[in-house]
Amino acid sequence: MSIMSESVRIVACPTCKAEVRWEPQSRYRPFCSERCRLIDLGQWASETYRVPAEEDSPPGEAPPTH
């Protein structure tokens, strides 16, 4: 029998860039801590982070021209 070594993926915390092991024991992954997770959540809540979006035209209507 051969034993395969498991490689654990290491990612950077999106907030502070600390190394985080990507495994079930890493409670806040991809963040390193609850503090970094809450900082990120606050950025979304204050609309500092935004996802660009385009408005869809209702069915049957032509898209607006700019």
N, C-alpha and C. Protein backbone atom coordinates (compact mmCIF):
# COMPACT_ATOMS: atom_id res chain seq x y z
N MET A 1 0.83 -1.18 0.00
CA MET A 1 0.00 0.00 0.00
C MET A 1 0.88 1.25 0.00
N SER A 2 0.51 2.19 -0.79
CA SER A 2 1.24 3.44 -0.77
C SER A 2 0.37 4.52 -0.13
N ILE A 3 0.99 5.33 0.64
CA ILE A 3 0.26 6.42 1.30
C ILE A 3 0.51 7.69 0.49
N MET A 4 -0.59 8.29 0.06
CA MET A 4 -0.49 9.52 -0.72
C MET A 4 -0.49 10.70 0.25
N SER A 5 0.44 11.58 0.06
CA SER A 5 0.44 12.75 0.92
C SER A 5 -0.60 13.74 0.43
N GLU A 6 -1.37 14.22 1.36
CA GLU A 6 -2.40 15.20 1.01
C GLU A 6 -1.77 16.59 0.99
N SER A 7 -2.00 17.29 -0.09
CA SER A 7 -1.51 18.67 -0.13
C SER A 7 -2.69 19.58 0.19
N VAL A 8 -2.47 20.47 1.09
CA VAL A 8 -3.51 21.41 1.51
C VAL A 8 -3.29 22.70 0.74
N ARG A 9 -4.34 23.17 0.13
CA ARG A 9 -4.28 24.42 -0.62
C ARG A 9 -4.13 25.58 0.35
N ILE A 10 -3.23 26.49 0.03
CA ILE A 10 -3.02 27.70 0.82
C ILE A 10 -3.52 28.89 -0.01
N VAL A 11 -4.38 29.70 0.59
CA VAL A 11 -4.90 30.89 -0.09
C VAL A 11 -4.56 32.12 0.74
N ALA A 12 -4.61 33.27 0.13
CA ALA A 12 -4.36 34.53 0.84
C ALA A 12 -5.69 35.07 1.35
N CYS A 13 -5.71 35.49 2.59
CA CYS A 13 -6.89 36.14 3.17
C CYS A 13 -7.20 37.37 2.32
N PRO A 14 -8.45 37.51 1.84
CA PRO A 14 -8.78 38.66 1.00
C PRO A 14 -8.60 40.01 1.69
N THR A 15 -8.64 40.04 3.01
CA THR A 15 -8.54 41.29 3.75
C THR A 15 -7.10 41.65 4.08
N CYS A 16 -6.37 40.72 4.73
CA CYS A 16 -5.03 41.07 5.22
C CYS A 16 -3.91 40.34 4.49
N LYS A 17 -4.26 39.45 3.59
CA LYS A 17 -3.30 38.68 2.77
C LYS A 17 -2.52 37.63 3.55
N ALA A 18 -2.90 37.31 4.79
CA ALA A 18 -2.24 36.24 5.55
C ALA A 18 -2.54 34.90 4.88
N GLU A 19 -1.67 33.93 5.06
CA GLU A 19 -1.88 32.61 4.49
C GLU A 19 -2.96 31.87 5.28
N VAL A 20 -3.89 31.23 4.54
CA VAL A 20 -4.98 30.49 5.14
C VAL A 20 -5.01 29.10 4.52
N ARG A 21 -5.05 28.07 5.35
CA ARG A 21 -5.16 26.71 4.85
C ARG A 21 -6.61 26.46 4.45
N TRP A 22 -6.84 25.97 3.22
CA TRP A 22 -8.19 25.72 2.71
C TRP A 22 -8.56 24.29 3.08
N GLU A 23 -9.13 24.14 4.27
CA GLU A 23 -9.54 22.84 4.77
C GLU A 23 -10.70 23.04 5.74
N PRO A 24 -11.45 21.98 6.03
CA PRO A 24 -12.63 22.12 6.90
C PRO A 24 -12.32 22.72 8.27
N GLN A 25 -11.12 22.51 8.79
CA GLN A 25 -10.77 23.05 10.10
C GLN A 25 -10.58 24.57 10.08
N SER A 26 -10.42 25.14 8.89
CA SER A 26 -10.24 26.60 8.76
C SER A 26 -11.63 27.24 8.79
N ARG A 27 -12.06 27.59 9.97
CA ARG A 27 -13.43 28.01 10.22
C ARG A 27 -13.88 29.21 9.38
N TYR A 28 -13.01 30.17 9.14
CA TYR A 28 -13.43 31.41 8.46
C TYR A 28 -12.98 31.49 7.01
N ARG A 29 -12.50 30.38 6.44
CA ARG A 29 -11.94 30.43 5.09
C ARG A 29 -12.90 31.10 4.13
N PRO A 30 -12.48 31.91 3.22
CA PRO A 30 -11.11 32.19 2.84
C PRO A 30 -10.43 33.23 3.73
N PHE A 31 -11.12 33.68 4.77
CA PHE A 31 -10.54 34.68 5.67
C PHE A 31 -9.73 33.99 6.75
N CYS A 32 -8.79 34.71 7.35
CA CYS A 32 -7.95 34.12 8.40
C CYS A 32 -8.62 34.18 9.77
N SER A 33 -9.60 35.08 9.92
CA SER A 33 -10.23 35.26 11.23
C SER A 33 -11.62 35.87 11.06
N GLU A 34 -12.37 35.84 12.15
CA GLU A 34 -13.69 36.47 12.13
C GLU A 34 -13.55 37.97 11.89
N ARG A 35 -12.51 38.58 12.43
CA ARG A 35 -12.28 40.02 12.25
C ARG A 35 -12.17 40.36 10.76
N CYS A 36 -11.35 39.62 10.03
CA CYS A 36 -11.20 39.89 8.59
C CYS A 36 -12.50 39.63 7.84
N ARG A 37 -13.25 38.61 8.25
CA ARG A 37 -14.53 38.31 7.61
C ARG A 37 -15.50 39.47 7.82
N LEU A 38 -15.54 40.02 9.04
CA LEU A 38 -16.45 41.13 9.33
C LEU A 38 -16.02 42.42 8.63
N ILE A 39 -14.74 42.64 8.49
CA ILE A 39 -14.26 43.82 7.75
C ILE A 39 -14.77 43.74 6.31
N ASP A 40 -14.64 42.56 5.69
CA ASP A 40 -15.10 42.37 4.31
C ASP A 40 -16.61 42.58 4.22
N LEU A 41 -17.37 42.01 5.16
CA LEU A 41 -18.82 42.18 5.16
C LEU A 41 -19.20 43.65 5.27
N GLY A 42 -18.47 44.39 6.11
CA GLY A 42 -18.72 45.82 6.26
C GLY A 42 -18.48 46.59 4.97
N GLN A 43 -17.48 46.17 4.20
CA GLN A 43 -17.21 46.82 2.91
C GLN A 43 -18.39 46.64 1.96
N TRP A 44 -18.98 45.44 1.95
CA TRP A 44 -20.15 45.20 1.10
C TRP A 44 -21.35 46.00 1.62
N ALA A 45 -21.54 46.02 2.94
CA ALA A 45 -22.70 46.70 3.54
C ALA A 45 -22.66 48.21 3.30
N SER A 46 -21.44 48.78 3.29
CA SER A 46 -21.31 50.22 3.07
C SER A 46 -21.24 50.57 1.58
N GLU A 47 -21.38 49.54 0.74
CA GLU A 47 -21.33 49.67 -0.72
C GLU A 47 -19.98 50.15 -1.23
N THR A 48 -18.91 49.90 -0.46
CA THR A 48 -17.56 50.17 -0.95
C THR A 48 -17.25 49.19 -2.07
N TYR A 49 -17.69 47.93 -1.89
CA TYR A 49 -17.57 46.92 -2.93
C TYR A 49 -18.88 46.90 -3.69
N ARG A 50 -18.79 46.79 -5.01
CA ARG A 50 -20.00 46.75 -5.83
C ARG A 50 -19.80 45.78 -6.98
N VAL A 51 -20.87 45.18 -7.41
CA VAL A 51 -20.85 44.31 -8.57
C VAL A 51 -21.51 45.07 -9.70
N PRO A 52 -20.79 45.28 -10.81
CA PRO A 52 -21.40 46.02 -11.91
C PRO A 52 -22.58 45.25 -12.50
N ALA A 53 -23.60 45.97 -12.87
CA ALA A 53 -24.79 45.34 -13.44
C ALA A 53 -25.37 46.23 -14.51
N GLU A 54 -26.02 45.60 -15.45
CA GLU A 54 -26.74 46.33 -16.48
C GLU A 54 -28.22 46.06 -16.29
N GLU A 55 -29.03 47.08 -16.47
CA GLU A 55 -30.46 46.89 -16.34
C GLU A 55 -30.98 46.14 -17.54
N ASP A 56 -31.83 45.16 -17.29
CA ASP A 56 -32.46 44.41 -18.37
C ASP A 56 -33.73 45.13 -18.80
N SER A 57 -34.00 45.09 -20.10
CA SER A 57 -35.25 45.66 -20.59
C SER A 57 -36.35 44.64 -20.39
N PRO A 58 -37.55 45.09 -20.06
CA PRO A 58 -38.67 44.15 -19.95
C PRO A 58 -38.88 43.44 -21.29
N PRO A 59 -39.37 42.20 -21.27
CA PRO A 59 -39.60 41.48 -22.52
C PRO A 59 -40.48 42.28 -23.49
N GLY A 60 -40.11 42.29 -24.74
CA GLY A 60 -40.88 43.00 -25.75
C GLY A 60 -40.49 44.45 -25.94
N GLU A 61 -39.65 45.01 -25.11
CA GLU A 61 -39.19 46.38 -25.26
C GLU A 61 -37.77 46.41 -25.79
N ALA A 62 -37.50 47.41 -26.58
CA ALA A 62 -36.16 47.59 -27.13
C ALA A 62 -35.24 48.12 -26.03
N PRO A 63 -33.99 47.71 -26.04
CA PRO A 63 -33.06 48.25 -25.03
C PRO A 63 -32.86 49.74 -25.24
N PRO A 64 -32.63 50.51 -24.17
CA PRO A 64 -32.43 51.94 -24.31
C PRO A 64 -31.17 52.25 -25.09
N THR A 65 -31.23 53.32 -25.88
CA THR A 65 -30.04 53.74 -26.61
C THR A 65 -29.43 54.93 -25.89
N HIS A 66 -28.12 54.94 -25.84
CA HIS A 66 -27.43 56.02 -25.12
C HIS A 66 -26.79 56.96 -26.07
